[in-house]
Amino acid sequence: MGDTVSLTTEVEGLPIGSEGKVILANGFNWLRYRIRFANGTEIGNLDHRHLQPIGKTARRLDRAAKRA
């Protein structure tokens, strides 16, 4: 929650690269997220197929992957 992401696919009229913030993370077998985008649009049920981490979130995940 609170991570910054961008779209990797066009979803509900939002273009690829639209940036947003995770406001809800949900699921056990299928992790899905509700995202609030910069223009105020909120979209739920997005997952790793639709999103990529950016900014501090991407750097944090890179460091964790290098440690593993």
C-alpha atoms as a PDB file:
ATOM      1  CA  MET A   1       0.000   0.000   0.000  1.00  0.00           C
ATOM      2  CA  GLY A   2       1.217   3.464  -0.852  1.00  0.00           C
ATOM      3  CA  ASP A   3       3.551   2.254  -3.609  1.00  0.00           C
ATOM      4  CA  THR A   4       3.762   4.263  -6.834  1.00  0.00           C
ATOM      5  CA  VAL A   5       3.063   2.394 -10.076  1.00  0.00           C
ATOM      6  CA  SER A   6       2.511   3.023 -13.780  1.00  0.00           C
ATOM      7  CA  LEU A   7       0.304   1.232 -16.288  1.00  0.00           C
ATOM      8  CA  THR A   8       1.895  -1.185 -18.743  1.00  0.00           C
ATOM      9  CA  THR A   9      -1.366  -1.640 -20.684  1.00  0.00           C
ATOM     10  CA  GLU A  10      -4.215   0.694 -21.594  1.00  0.00           C
ATOM     11  CA  VAL A  11      -7.016   0.276 -19.051  1.00  0.00           C
ATOM     12  CA  GLU A  12     -10.456   1.949 -19.075  1.00  0.00           C
ATOM     13  CA  GLY A  13      -9.282   4.812 -21.272  1.00  0.00           C
ATOM     14  CA  LEU A  14      -6.102   5.544 -19.315  1.00  0.00           C
ATOM     15  CA  PRO A  15      -3.003   5.474 -21.538  1.00  0.00           C
ATOM     16  CA  ILE A  16       0.072   3.332 -20.987  1.00  0.00           C
ATOM     17  CA  GLY A  17       2.430   5.047 -18.543  1.00  0.00           C
ATOM     18  CA  SER A  18      -0.299   6.675 -16.423  1.00  0.00           C
ATOM     19  CA  GLU A  19       0.995   6.947 -12.856  1.00  0.00           C
ATOM     20  CA  GLY A  20      -0.931   6.163  -9.703  1.00  0.00           C
ATOM     21  CA  LYS A  21      -0.691   5.065  -6.098  1.00  0.00           C
ATOM     22  CA  VAL A  22      -1.766   1.750  -4.568  1.00  0.00           C
ATOM     23  CA  ILE A  23      -4.621   2.408  -2.151  1.00  0.00           C
ATOM     24  CA  LEU A  24      -5.633  -1.228  -1.552  1.00  0.00           C
ATOM     25  CA  ALA A  25      -3.750  -4.519  -1.903  1.00  0.00           C
ATOM     26  CA  ASN A  26      -5.856  -7.648  -1.735  1.00  0.00           C
ATOM     27  CA  GLY A  27      -5.683 -11.406  -2.262  1.00  0.00           C
ATOM     28  CA  PHE A  28      -3.813 -14.612  -1.422  1.00  0.00           C
ATOM     29  CA  ASN A  29      -3.382 -16.613  -4.634  1.00  0.00           C
ATOM     30  CA  TRP A  30      -4.155 -13.702  -6.962  1.00  0.00           C
ATOM     31  CA  LEU A  31      -2.705 -10.418  -5.745  1.00  0.00           C
ATOM     32  CA  ARG A  32      -4.723  -7.501  -7.032  1.00  0.00           C
ATOM     33  CA  TYR A  33      -4.616  -3.796  -6.363  1.00  0.00           C
ATOM     34  CA  ARG A  34      -6.875  -0.743  -6.343  1.00  0.00           C
ATOM     35  CA  ILE A  35      -5.035   2.226  -7.824  1.00  0.00           C
ATOM     36  CA  ARG A  36      -5.794   5.960  -7.595  1.00  0.00           C
ATOM     37  CA  PHE A  37      -4.364   7.701 -10.644  1.00  0.00           C
ATOM     38  CA  ALA A  38      -3.131  11.297 -10.858  1.00  0.00           C
ATOM     39  CA  ASN A  39      -6.334  12.422 -12.614  1.00  0.00           C
ATOM     40  CA  GLY A  40      -8.463  11.111  -9.704  1.00  0.00           C
ATOM     41  CA  THR A  41      -9.657   7.918 -11.408  1.00  0.00           C
ATOM     42  CA  GLU A  42      -9.710   4.792  -9.222  1.00  0.00           C
ATOM     43  CA  ILE A  43      -9.523   1.340 -10.786  1.00  0.00           C
ATOM     44  CA  GLY A  44      -9.620  -1.981  -8.931  1.00  0.00           C
ATOM     45  CA  ASN A  45      -8.618  -5.543  -9.805  1.00  0.00           C
ATOM     46  CA  LEU A  46      -5.336  -4.589 -11.458  1.00  0.00           C
ATOM     47  CA  ASP A  47      -2.408  -6.982 -11.077  1.00  0.00           C
ATOM     48  CA  HIS A  48       1.184  -7.505 -12.231  1.00  0.00           C
ATOM     49  CA  ARG A  49      -0.007  -7.809 -15.858  1.00  0.00           C
ATOM     50  CA  HIS A  50      -1.196  -4.178 -15.783  1.00  0.00           C
ATOM     51  CA  LEU A  51       1.296  -2.459 -13.471  1.00  0.00           C
ATOM     52  CA  GLN A  52       4.987  -1.821 -12.959  1.00  0.00           C
ATOM     53  CA  PRO A  53       6.561  -0.220  -9.885  1.00  0.00           C
ATOM     54  CA  ILE A  54       8.271   3.152 -10.330  1.00  0.00           C
ATOM     55  CA  GLY A  55      10.339   5.537  -8.241  1.00  0.00           C
ATOM     56  CA  LYS A  56      11.253   4.515  -4.694  1.00  0.00           C
ATOM     57  CA  THR A  57       9.159   1.372  -4.979  1.00  0.00           C
ATOM     58  CA  ALA A  58      11.154   0.094  -7.970  1.00  0.00           C
ATOM     59  CA  ARG A  59      14.472   0.837  -6.234  1.00  0.00           C
ATOM     60  CA  ARG A  60      13.323  -0.952  -3.051  1.00  0.00           C
ATOM     61  CA  LEU A  61      12.299  -4.038  -5.031  1.00  0.00           C
ATOM     62  CA  ASP A  62      15.608  -4.033  -6.959  1.00  0.00           C
ATOM     63  CA  ARG A  63      17.600  -3.969  -3.711  1.00  0.00           C
ATOM     64  CA  ALA A  64      15.517  -6.805  -2.263  1.00  0.00           C
ATOM     65  CA  ALA A  65      16.032  -8.909  -5.421  1.00  0.00           C
ATOM     66  CA  LYS A  66      19.805  -8.392  -5.282  1.00  0.00           C
ATOM     67  CA  ARG A  67      19.896  -9.563  -1.654  1.00  0.00           C
ATOM     68  CA  ALA A  68      17.977 -12.736  -2.466  1.00  0.00           C
END
